[in-house]
Each structure stands twice: as structure tokens, then as C-alpha cells.
Protein backbone atom coordinates (compact mmCIF):
# COMPACT_ATOMS: atom_id res chain seq x y z
CA MET A 1 -0.06 0.25 -0.01
CA ASN A 2 1.78 3.19 -1.08
CA ILE A 3 0.72 6.84 -1.20
CA VAL A 4 0.45 8.02 -4.44
CA SER A 5 -0.06 11.76 -3.65
CA VAL A 6 -0.56 14.26 -0.42
CA ILE A 7 -3.82 16.08 -1.29
CA GLU A 8 -4.13 18.45 1.84
CA GLU A 9 -3.44 19.02 5.57
CA ILE A 10 -6.52 18.28 7.60
CA HIS A 11 -5.27 18.92 11.02
CA GLN A 12 -2.27 19.17 13.28
CA GLY A 13 -1.93 18.55 17.06
CA GLY A 14 0.51 18.49 19.67
CA PHE A 15 2.02 15.24 18.65
CA GLY A 16 0.97 14.61 14.98
CA ILE A 17 -0.15 16.11 11.61
CA ILE A 18 -2.64 14.44 9.47
CA HIS A 19 -3.09 14.43 5.79
CA LYS A 20 -5.43 13.72 3.15
CA VAL A 21 -3.70 10.96 0.71
CA GLU A 22 -4.40 9.22 -2.23
CA LEU A 23 -3.14 5.15 -2.60
CA ASP A 24 -1.95 3.59 -5.25
CA ASN A 25 -5.48 1.46 -5.18
CA GLY A 26 -7.29 4.55 -5.95
CA LEU A 27 -8.42 5.13 -2.40
CA ILE A 28 -8.72 8.53 -0.34
CA ALA A 29 -7.23 7.99 3.08
CA ALA A 30 -5.94 10.12 6.30
CA ARG A 31 -2.19 9.39 7.19
CA LYS A 32 -1.28 10.42 10.42
CA THR A 33 2.42 11.25 11.08
CA PHE A 34 4.31 11.67 14.14
CA LYS A 35 5.27 15.46 14.28
CA LEU A 36 5.59 17.31 17.69
CA ALA A 37 4.26 20.88 17.76
CA LEU A 38 6.74 22.37 19.85
CA ALA A 39 9.73 19.91 18.92
CA ASN A 40 12.36 22.73 19.82
CA LYS A 41 11.22 22.62 23.33
CA ILE A 42 11.59 18.88 23.54
CA SER A 43 14.59 16.90 24.91
CA GLN A 44 16.03 14.15 22.45
CA GLU A 45 15.18 11.44 25.35
CA ASP A 46 11.65 12.62 25.62
CA THR A 47 11.10 12.86 21.56
CA ILE A 48 12.28 9.42 21.63
CA LYS A 49 9.74 8.28 24.56
CA LEU A 50 7.50 10.00 22.51
CA LYS A 51 7.99 8.33 19.40
CA ARG A 52 7.78 4.73 20.82
CA ARG A 53 4.44 5.89 22.47
CA PHE A 54 3.14 7.20 19.46
CA SER A 55 4.00 3.36 17.59
CA ARG A 56 2.32 1.81 21.00
CA GLU A 57 -0.72 3.19 20.41
CA VAL A 58 -0.90 2.43 16.84
CA LYS A 59 -0.16 -0.83 17.45
CA ILE A 60 -2.96 -1.23 20.06
CA GLN A 61 -5.54 0.49 17.87
CA GLU A 62 -4.59 -2.11 14.93
CA ARG A 63 -5.90 -4.79 17.57
CA LEU A 64 -9.05 -3.00 18.31
CA PRO A 65 -12.26 -4.17 16.45
CA SER A 66 -12.61 -2.01 13.37
CA ASP A 67 -16.78 -2.13 13.97
CA LEU A 68 -16.02 0.22 17.29
CA PHE A 69 -12.66 1.87 16.30
CA ILE A 70 -10.98 3.64 13.15
CA PRO A 71 -9.14 0.71 11.71
CA ILE A 72 -5.12 1.22 10.74
CA LEU A 73 -4.76 0.20 6.99
CA HIS A 74 -0.97 0.43 7.14
CA SER A 75 1.81 1.71 9.29
CA SER A 76 5.13 2.32 9.17
CA LEU A 77 6.76 2.90 12.87
CA ASP A 78 10.44 2.29 12.16
CA GLU A 79 11.16 6.01 10.44
CA ASP A 80 12.18 9.09 11.71
CA GLU A 81 8.55 10.31 11.65
CA PRO A 82 6.40 7.00 11.93
CA TRP A 83 3.16 7.03 10.33
CA PHE A 84 -0.19 4.91 9.85
CA ILE A 85 -2.70 5.21 7.50
CA MET A 86 -6.51 5.04 8.45
CA PRO A 87 -9.79 5.44 6.23
CA LEU A 88 -10.98 8.72 5.58
CA ALA A 89 -14.06 9.40 8.09
CA ASP A 90 -17.29 10.90 6.56
CA SER A 91 -17.91 13.17 9.61
CA SER A 92 -16.80 13.90 12.89
CA TYR A 93 -19.42 13.98 16.08
CA VAL A 94 -18.59 17.97 16.06
CA GLU A 95 -20.58 18.14 12.69
CA GLU A 96 -23.30 15.81 13.94
CA ILE A 97 -24.07 17.52 17.04
CA GLN A 98 -24.27 20.68 14.59
CA ARG A 99 -26.47 18.96 12.23
CA ALA A 100 -29.01 17.69 14.85
CA LYS A 101 -29.32 21.41 16.29
CA LEU A 102 -30.03 22.77 13.21
CA ALA A 103 -32.45 20.27 12.61
CA SER A 104 -33.87 20.33 15.97
CA THR A 105 -33.51 16.51 16.51
CA MET A 106 -31.55 14.10 18.47
CA PRO A 107 -27.60 13.60 17.30
CA VAL A 108 -27.41 9.78 16.65
CA GLY A 109 -24.59 7.61 17.43
CA LEU A 110 -24.69 8.23 21.45
CA ALA A 111 -25.22 4.43 21.79
CA ASP A 112 -22.01 3.65 19.24
CA ILE A 113 -19.71 5.81 21.15
CA LEU A 114 -20.84 3.85 24.66
CA ASN A 115 -20.68 0.45 22.97
CA SER A 116 -16.69 1.38 22.15
CA LEU A 117 -16.22 3.21 24.84
CA GLU A 118 -17.38 -0.13 27.02
CA HIS A 119 -14.96 -2.54 24.87
CA LEU A 120 -12.03 -0.50 25.44
CA HIS A 121 -12.52 -0.29 29.42
CA THR A 122 -13.49 -4.26 29.46
CA LEU A 123 -9.74 -4.39 28.26
CA GLY A 124 -8.41 -2.20 30.96
CA TYR A 125 -7.82 1.11 28.74
CA VAL A 126 -8.75 4.88 29.38
CA HIS A 127 -8.92 6.82 26.55
CA ARG A 128 -8.43 9.75 28.38
CA ASP A 129 -9.02 12.28 25.26
CA LEU A 130 -12.97 11.60 24.49
CA LYS A 131 -14.70 14.32 22.49
CA PRO A 132 -16.72 14.84 19.57
CA GLY A 133 -13.88 15.58 17.56
CA ASN A 134 -12.28 12.07 18.28
CA VAL A 135 -15.58 10.32 17.05
CA LEU A 136 -15.62 9.66 13.61
CA PHE A 137 -18.61 8.57 11.48
CA HIS A 138 -16.85 5.33 8.93
CA ASP A 139 -18.82 2.42 7.42
CA GLY A 140 -22.20 3.00 8.48
CA ARG A 141 -21.12 3.90 12.22
CA TRP A 142 -19.57 6.17 15.08
CA LYS A 143 -16.40 4.76 16.19
CA LEU A 144 -13.66 6.27 18.46
CA ALA A 145 -10.31 7.27 17.00
CA ASP A 146 -6.97 9.05 18.30
CA LEU A 147 -5.84 6.71 21.00
CA GLY A 148 -2.96 9.26 21.52
CA LEU A 149 -3.12 9.38 25.25
CA ILE A 150 -4.06 5.81 26.23
CA THR A 151 -0.62 5.24 27.62
CA SER A 152 -0.57 6.43 31.33
CA ASP A 153 2.80 7.95 31.02
CA GLU A 154 2.32 11.02 33.04
CA ALA A 155 5.85 12.43 33.63
CA LEU A 156 6.14 12.19 29.78
CA THR A 157 2.78 13.69 28.73
CA SER A 158 3.35 16.76 31.48
CA SER A 159 6.22 17.65 29.95
CA PHE A 160 4.78 19.72 27.39
CA GLN A 161 1.71 20.81 26.22
CA THR A 162 0.01 20.96 22.87
CA SER A 163 -1.61 23.34 20.63
CA GLU A 164 -4.96 23.31 22.59
CA GLY A 165 -3.47 23.86 26.01
CA PHE A 166 -3.26 20.81 27.52
CA ALA A 167 -0.88 17.53 26.82
CA ALA A 168 -2.93 15.52 29.23
CA GLY A 169 -6.16 15.94 27.34
CA SER A 170 -8.94 18.48 25.75
CA ARG A 171 -9.54 20.93 28.49
CA ASP A 172 -13.58 21.41 28.03
CA TYR A 173 -14.00 17.46 28.43
CA MET A 174 -11.22 16.33 30.77
CA ALA A 175 -12.11 15.10 34.35
CA PRO A 176 -10.65 17.45 36.94
CA GLU A 177 -8.36 14.46 38.39
CA GLN A 178 -7.05 13.89 34.86
CA VAL A 179 -4.93 17.34 35.60
CA THR A 180 -3.28 16.39 38.73
CA ASN A 181 -3.02 12.75 38.58
CA PHE A 182 -3.17 11.61 34.58
CA SER A 183 -1.62 8.26 35.08
CA GLY A 184 -3.67 7.46 37.86
CA VAL A 185 -7.12 7.85 36.03
CA THR A 186 -9.85 5.20 35.99
CA HIS A 187 -12.54 4.70 33.63
CA HIS A 188 -14.58 7.35 35.32
CA ALA A 189 -12.59 10.02 33.55
CA ASP A 190 -13.89 8.93 30.08
CA ILE A 191 -17.12 8.84 32.00
CA TYR A 192 -16.78 12.22 32.64
CA SER A 193 -15.92 13.34 29.17
CA PHE A 194 -19.22 11.66 27.88
CA GLY A 195 -21.13 13.80 30.45
CA ALA A 196 -19.39 17.04 28.54
CA ILE A 197 -20.18 15.64 25.30
CA LEU A 198 -24.17 15.43 26.66
CA HIS A 199 -23.65 18.82 27.68
CA ASP A 200 -22.76 20.01 24.14
CA ILE A 201 -25.49 18.38 23.22
CA PHE A 202 -28.31 19.28 25.66
CA ASN A 203 -26.84 22.69 26.98
CA GLY A 204 -24.32 23.64 24.67
CA GLN A 205 -23.51 26.97 26.32
CA PRO A 206 -19.89 27.82 27.21
CA ARG A 207 -18.50 26.13 30.50
CA VAL A 208 -15.82 26.13 33.06
CA PRO A 209 -13.67 23.23 32.36
CA PHE A 210 -13.48 20.60 35.38
CA LYS A 211 -16.18 21.39 36.80
CA LYS A 212 -19.90 19.55 37.27
CA LEU A 213 -22.13 20.28 34.48
CA THR A 214 -25.68 20.01 34.33
CA SER A 215 -28.66 20.82 31.55
CA SER A 216 -32.50 21.58 32.23
CA GLY A 217 -34.91 18.88 31.39
CA SER A 218 -34.49 15.14 31.96
CA ILE A 219 -31.21 14.65 31.19
CA GLY A 220 -29.56 17.37 33.35
CA TRP A 221 -29.01 14.47 36.37
CA ILE A 222 -27.48 12.43 34.15
CA ILE A 223 -24.96 15.11 33.19
CA GLU A 224 -24.56 15.94 36.59
CA LYS A 225 -23.89 12.44 37.74
CA CYS A 226 -21.37 11.71 35.01
CA THR A 227 -19.60 15.05 35.59
CA ASP A 228 -19.67 15.16 39.25
CA GLU A 229 -16.15 16.00 40.74
CA LYS A 230 -16.33 13.59 43.10
CA ILE A 231 -15.20 10.21 41.15
CA ASN A 232 -17.25 7.83 43.56
CA ARG A 233 -20.58 9.55 42.88
CA ARG A 234 -20.39 9.41 39.09
CA PHE A 235 -21.80 6.16 37.03
CA ASN A 236 -19.75 3.32 37.98
CA ASP A 237 -19.61 1.69 34.44
CA VAL A 238 -20.62 2.64 30.98
CA LYS A 239 -23.27 -0.18 31.20
CA THR A 240 -25.15 1.24 34.06
CA LEU A 241 -24.82 4.87 32.06
CA ARG A 242 -26.07 3.15 29.05
CA ASP A 243 -29.16 1.57 30.82
CA VAL A 244 -30.18 4.75 32.33
CA LEU A 245 -29.44 7.28 29.22
CA LEU A 246 -30.84 5.28 26.62
CA SER A 247 -33.67 4.53 28.55
CA GLN A 248 -34.58 7.79 29.33
CA LEU A 249 -34.07 9.09 25.72
CA SER A 250 -36.33 6.46 24.41
CA LYS A 251 -39.46 7.19 27.14
CA GLU A 252 -39.87 10.82 26.00
CA ASN A 253 -40.80 9.25 23.04
CA LEU A 254 -43.52 7.56 24.49
CA SER A 255 -46.98 9.33 24.01
CA ILE A 256 -48.45 6.63 26.99
CA LYS A 257 -50.67 7.99 29.60
CA ILE A 258 -49.62 6.71 33.04
CA ASN A 259 -52.19 5.58 35.29
CA LYS A 260 -51.95 5.86 39.15
CA ASP A 261 -50.73 2.21 39.59
CA THR A 262 -48.27 2.16 36.94
CA ALA A 263 -46.78 5.41 38.20
CA GLU A 264 -46.58 3.45 41.49
CA TRP A 265 -44.41 0.64 40.04
CA ILE A 266 -42.02 2.93 38.14
CA LYS A 267 -41.35 4.78 41.60
CA LYS A 268 -41.20 1.30 43.42
CA ILE A 269 -38.66 -0.18 41.08
CA LYS A 270 -36.16 2.32 41.58
CA ASP A 271 -36.30 0.76 45.26
CA VAL A 272 -35.62 -2.81 44.26
CA ASP A 273 -32.96 -3.54 47.16
CA ASN A 274 -35.44 -3.21 49.61
CA TRP A 275 -37.79 -5.66 47.40
CA GLY A 276 -39.05 -9.31 48.77
CA PHE A 277 -41.04 -11.85 47.67
CA GLU A 278 -44.31 -10.22 47.96
CA ASP A 279 -42.98 -6.94 45.88
CA LEU A 280 -42.10 -9.45 43.09
CA ASP A 281 -44.89 -11.33 43.08
CA SER A 282 -47.24 -8.58 42.76
CA LEU A 283 -45.06 -6.89 39.72
CA VAL A 284 -45.51 -10.17 37.86
CA MET A 285 -49.36 -10.17 38.69
CA TYR A 286 -49.79 -6.65 37.57
CA LEU A 287 -47.87 -7.17 34.24
CA GLU A 288 -49.95 -10.30 33.48
CA VAL A 289 -53.32 -8.12 33.44
CA SER A 290 -51.79 -4.73 32.61
CA SER A 291 -50.38 -5.15 29.19
CA ASP A 292 -50.94 -1.49 28.31
CA SER A 293 -48.43 -0.76 30.79
CA HIS A 294 -45.46 -2.77 29.95
CA GLY A 295 -43.72 -0.48 27.79
CA ILE A 296 -43.45 2.27 30.43
CA ILE A 297 -42.46 -0.22 33.28
CA PHE A 298 -40.08 -2.29 31.24
CA MET A 299 -38.07 0.97 30.33
CA GLU A 300 -37.84 1.54 34.00
CA MET A 301 -35.87 -1.63 34.29
CA THR A 302 -32.13 -2.00 34.37
CA SER A 303 -29.56 -5.12 34.11
CA ASP A 304 -29.14 -4.47 37.61
CA PHE A 305 -32.77 -4.94 38.50
CA ILE A 306 -33.11 -8.18 36.55
CA GLU A 307 -29.85 -9.34 38.39
CA LYS A 308 -31.31 -8.46 42.10
CA THR A 309 -35.15 -9.72 41.25
CA ALA A 310 -33.16 -13.24 40.33
CA SER A 311 -32.01 -13.59 43.92
CA ILE A 312 -35.63 -13.35 45.59
CA ASP A 313 -37.61 -15.98 43.89
CA ARG A 314 -36.27 -18.02 40.84
CA GLY A 315 -39.99 -19.11 39.98
CA LEU A 316 -41.19 -15.67 40.12
CA TRP A 317 -38.41 -13.99 38.22
CA LYS A 318 -38.58 -16.90 35.28
CA GLN A 319 -42.24 -15.45 34.99
CA LEU A 320 -41.13 -11.70 35.04
CA VAL A 321 -38.12 -12.64 32.19
CA LEU A 322 -40.67 -14.51 30.02
CA ILE A 323 -43.42 -11.63 29.98
CA TYR A 324 -40.56 -9.41 28.96
CA PHE A 325 -38.97 -11.77 26.14
CA ASP A 326 -42.38 -11.79 24.97
CA TRP A 327 -42.88 -8.01 24.73
CA VAL A 328 -39.53 -7.48 23.31
CA TYR A 329 -40.21 -9.93 20.43
CA ASN A 330 -43.05 -8.15 19.58
CA LYS A 331 -41.80 -4.34 19.87
CA SER A 332 -40.20 -2.13 17.59
CA PHE A 333 -37.69 0.28 19.51
CA PRO A 334 -35.78 3.31 18.93
CA PHE A 335 -31.96 2.07 17.39
CA ASP A 336 -30.05 2.97 20.33
CA TYR A 337 -32.44 1.63 22.84
CA CYS A 338 -31.99 -1.98 20.95
CA ASP A 339 -28.41 -2.00 22.99
CA VAL A 340 -30.47 -1.61 26.14
CA VAL A 341 -32.73 -4.39 25.44
CA VAL A 342 -30.32 -6.85 24.27
CA GLY A 343 -28.18 -5.98 27.38
CA HIS A 344 -31.43 -7.45 29.42
CA LEU A 345 -31.31 -10.01 27.28
CA TYR A 346 -27.96 -11.05 27.81
CA LYS A 347 -27.97 -10.20 31.29
CA ALA A 348 -30.96 -13.02 31.94
CA PHE A 349 -29.27 -15.49 29.79
CA ALA A 350 -25.71 -15.10 31.78
CA ILE A 351 -27.09 -15.61 35.41
CA THR A 352 -29.49 -18.43 34.69
CA THR A 353 -28.82 -22.12 34.02
CA ASP A 354 -32.54 -22.58 33.14
CA LEU A 355 -32.41 -23.62 29.53
CA GLU A 356 -36.03 -22.20 28.94
CA ILE A 357 -34.73 -18.56 29.52
CA LYS A 358 -31.53 -18.99 27.76
CA ALA A 359 -32.96 -20.38 24.68
CA ARG A 360 -35.81 -17.67 24.47
CA ALA A 361 -33.52 -14.84 25.45
CA ALA A 362 -30.94 -16.08 22.62
CA LEU A 363 -33.80 -16.47 19.97
CA THR A 364 -35.49 -12.91 21.43
CA ALA A 365 -32.24 -11.47 20.97
CA ALA A 366 -32.18 -12.84 17.41
CA GLU A 367 -35.42 -11.22 16.18
CA LEU A 368 -33.99 -7.94 17.77
CA GLY A 369 -31.12 -8.19 15.62
CA ARG A 370 -32.83 -9.01 12.54
CA SER A 371 -35.71 -6.64 12.72
CA HIS A 372 -33.58 -3.78 13.78
CA ASN A 373 -30.36 -4.14 11.86
CA ARG A 374 -28.34 -3.52 15.14
CA TRP A 375 -24.38 -4.63 14.78
CA TYR A 376 -24.48 -4.70 18.59
CA VAL A 377 -27.44 -6.65 19.05
CA MET A 378 -26.22 -9.48 16.55
CA GLN A 379 -23.01 -9.74 17.95
CA ARG A 380 -24.36 -10.87 21.10
CA VAL A 381 -26.57 -13.37 19.66
CA ILE A 382 -23.45 -15.11 18.48
CA ARG A 383 -22.40 -15.12 21.79
CA MET A 384 -25.49 -16.86 22.83
CA CYS A 385 -25.50 -19.35 20.11
CA SER A 386 -21.52 -19.97 20.31
CA PRO A 387 -19.35 -23.01 19.75
CA GLU A 388 -18.88 -22.93 23.49
CA ILE A 389 -22.41 -23.13 25.15
CA SER A 390 -23.40 -26.47 26.75
CA GLU A 391 -24.44 -29.23 24.55
CA ASN A 392 -27.74 -29.35 26.52
CA LEU A 393 -28.40 -25.69 25.39
CA ALA A 394 -27.34 -26.43 21.94
CA ASN A 395 -30.02 -29.15 21.95
CA ARG A 396 -32.52 -27.10 23.55
CA LEU A 397 -32.27 -24.36 20.81
CA ASN A 398 -31.88 -26.80 18.13
CA ILE A 399 -35.50 -27.91 19.42
CA GLU A 400 -37.03 -24.23 19.82
CA ILE A 401 -35.90 -23.20 16.00
CA HIS A 402 -37.31 -26.45 14.60
CA VAL A 403 -40.62 -25.18 16.94
CA ASP A 404 -40.27 -21.61 15.56
CA GLY A 405 -40.12 -22.43 12.28
CA ASN A 406 -38.62 -20.49 9.17
CA GLN A 407 -38.50 -17.35 11.11
CA ALA A 408 -36.12 -18.37 13.58
CA LYS A 409 -33.86 -19.83 11.25
CA GLU A 410 -33.81 -16.60 9.36
CA ASN A 411 -33.25 -14.40 11.82
CA LEU A 412 -30.40 -16.47 13.01
CA ARG A 413 -28.64 -16.34 9.64
CA ILE A 414 -28.98 -12.78 8.84
CA CYS A 415 -27.50 -12.04 12.33
CA ALA A 416 -24.68 -13.96 11.37
CA ILE A 417 -24.30 -12.55 7.58
CA ARG A 418 -24.81 -8.96 8.29
CA ILE A 419 -22.03 -8.72 10.80
CA ASN A 420 -19.65 -10.61 7.98
CA LEU A 421 -20.22 -13.93 9.66
CA SER A 422 -21.50 -17.28 8.67
CA VAL A 423 -23.88 -19.55 10.21
CA ASN A 424 -20.65 -21.55 11.04
CA SER A 425 -19.99 -19.32 13.38
CA TYR A 426 -22.91 -21.01 15.75
CA HIS A 427 -22.83 -24.19 17.46
CA PRO A 428 -22.86 -27.02 15.34
CA GLU A 429 -26.73 -27.81 16.65
CA ILE A 430 -27.94 -24.47 15.90
CA ILE A 431 -26.15 -24.91 12.25
CA LYS A 432 -28.21 -28.35 11.65
CA ALA A 433 -31.16 -26.35 12.57
CA ILE A 434 -31.10 -23.30 10.42
CA GLN A 435 -29.78 -25.83 7.85
CA ALA A 436 -32.54 -28.53 8.26
CA MET A 437 -35.69 -28.21 5.60
């Protein structure tokens, strides 16, 4: 892969310069080259260290999934000015926020950002420079880019400032603890940065860096919890943040009149830590006779709620989740909210040994993935039906697929194909069921 010509400069930051280039295969791409903005003020020793860090971060990005992160197409890391080539993005999240404000709509892609961030955190990495300019639209999805601060080298990073003012991050999006303890920050710093992005969307007014942020409306408290100056008051993880944020955004689109009983259950669900057998029994009974209230009640549920109710009574919990599965199977959801739903399905799948629940969770997720064409959902389907599941579960799924018929087969087939896999990604018993006449 060779560069035919350099078309123009796109951006120059503290650690590198990006050019739009033409490759010998005709592709227009972006090349990032290691180049220090303040090279004359950096010692040779630190320059060598920064260059090594640049190379290390390129190698990390090469190993991350291309459906969540901007892929590295080619790199040359042994030169005096190492460089790498990545696809030219269609747009950045800065432009998406501007577009949404002009159209008076919600920007799309918040779930994509959270999914990428969650994957990074499961590997033990912290991005440290999450901002709209580092979220790029490529191949139909929003992906994280620029992992230039993922290496926790405080002494090296603090040795100079970038053209934006800080070598340790972007001040308008940076958590307060990152200023004083760059190498010691946890994933909570990225949650703060995500809260600052929400502030861009729902408030948009100038802000004081490193402070707690807010906005008017129902999202205000979520922004406050993301950006609390006390780390232990922020959302503990991306999964919880996703559940709360996407549920809230989806509920705002509902035009359901909430009766008194449903309002009481909405309040009660938030107090699940104090639940006993009678509370769970009463909820199941209410759901069985009040199908009109399913949507608003189920949108109050979190994965944590599913896990905690499972410990109260397994029989009642099974009734609850099967009612939930039926609701999901026959419901159409906002695109991003699908990620919350499949998170609930996967949680129920993971915390039980009940084969009926596991099988129904997997097949419900397959229907959700196929009907909404959501990558994140379809990836979870592959996990729930992989060769690693037990033989008993695989045999149960084989039977359930046969009972459900061609729709179940088509759902599973499409979930694999649309994420560039094949039905061979499933357990052999599931493959047999899909291919059976």
C-alpha cells in the first residue's frame, strides 16, 4: 500500500499531523504522521519516548475491532517520523451535533460511542481524550479514534503542552482528576468526558473546565452524575450509564398516559434493593393483567434490576423475564435503545442455568437483531449461540428453532451474515437446525 500523492493537510495537533492522501489502489485515506508541535522545546530523550508511545498506540489500535474503532490500514513505525494510514471518515461528531441542532433533532450515535468506550474499558484501557472531534463516522457507524493518550505516562505527557493547551487531554472535556493525576485516572475519567459531550448536546453553553455540568430537562441529572467532581458519585460503569441514558431518551418519545398504579410501580422499581417475595409477586401479577403498561414499566428496568430480582425467587423471576421476552419480541424500538434491550436479554441469559430462559433470550435477541439491523445486538446473538455453549443448551435451541420455524432460522442466519460472519459461527446443533428443511 503506497501513497501516490498528498492532497491536503486536515489537522495538526500536539503529537502529529494528519493529511488527506491518495493511495495506489485509488482510495482516498488519512495519514497521521508523528510530528511534535513544540519539537524545539522537547529533549531528544523525551522525543524518543514519545515516538515509542506513538508506535505503541498504533499497535493497540490495530488490534481493536474495526466496527468500534477507526481501523489502521497500514503503518510504518520504524522511520524518523513514523506514520499510519486510516480510512478517511465521512464526518466527526462535532458536525453531527451541529446538524442535529440545526434540525432540532437528537444526534445519532450515542450508543455507538458508549459501545466503543465499554469495549475499551473491558480491556483495562482509558481513552483520556474522548471528545466529539475524536468520534468519527465510518462504514455506517460512529467509532472512536485518536488513542494518543491511552498510555499512562504522566511524566512524559506533562513535559509539554499541546496547541490546544494541555498535553493530558482537551480541557473542555477532561475530568478534573486527569489534570493532577494523569496516570492514575480510571474509566470514570471517560465517563466525565462523555457527560461533557452530553452537555454539548443538551446545553451547549460555554462552561468552566473541570467542573460539574448540567442542563435543563430530564437529562440534566444524568449529565450531573457523569461529571460529578467526586469520582465515586459518577456512574460506576458504561453499562449502567447506557441503561439509564438510552432508557430516558426512549421514554421521552412515548405518548403513553400513565395511570396511578403504573406510576407507583415506576417509583417502586427504583427501590429494588428493599424488595422481597411479595413485591416481585405483585409486579408479575400486575404485568399479567396490565399489558398496556408493559412499555413504560419495562423501560424502567435495568440489568441490575434483573439481577437483583433473580435472587428473590427464581420461579417468579422466570415469569417476569418471559413476559419481558414476549414484549421485546413483538416490539419496535428506537435504534439505540436496542443496545439496552439486548443487554437485559444477555444479563438474563448469563445469570441462570434455566435452559428455557437461555434459549428464549437467544432467540428473542435474534429477532431483535434481524428486525432492527443492529450490529451490537447481532454480536450478542453470536455469543449466546456460539460453539462454547453447553451441549444441553445447544440441543434445546435446536428444538426451539424447529418449533419456531423458518422465522427463527432466518433471524439467526441474518444475524451472522450482516456482521460479516457465517452460520458456521454457531454451535453445530444450531447450524443443523438452521440448515434443516
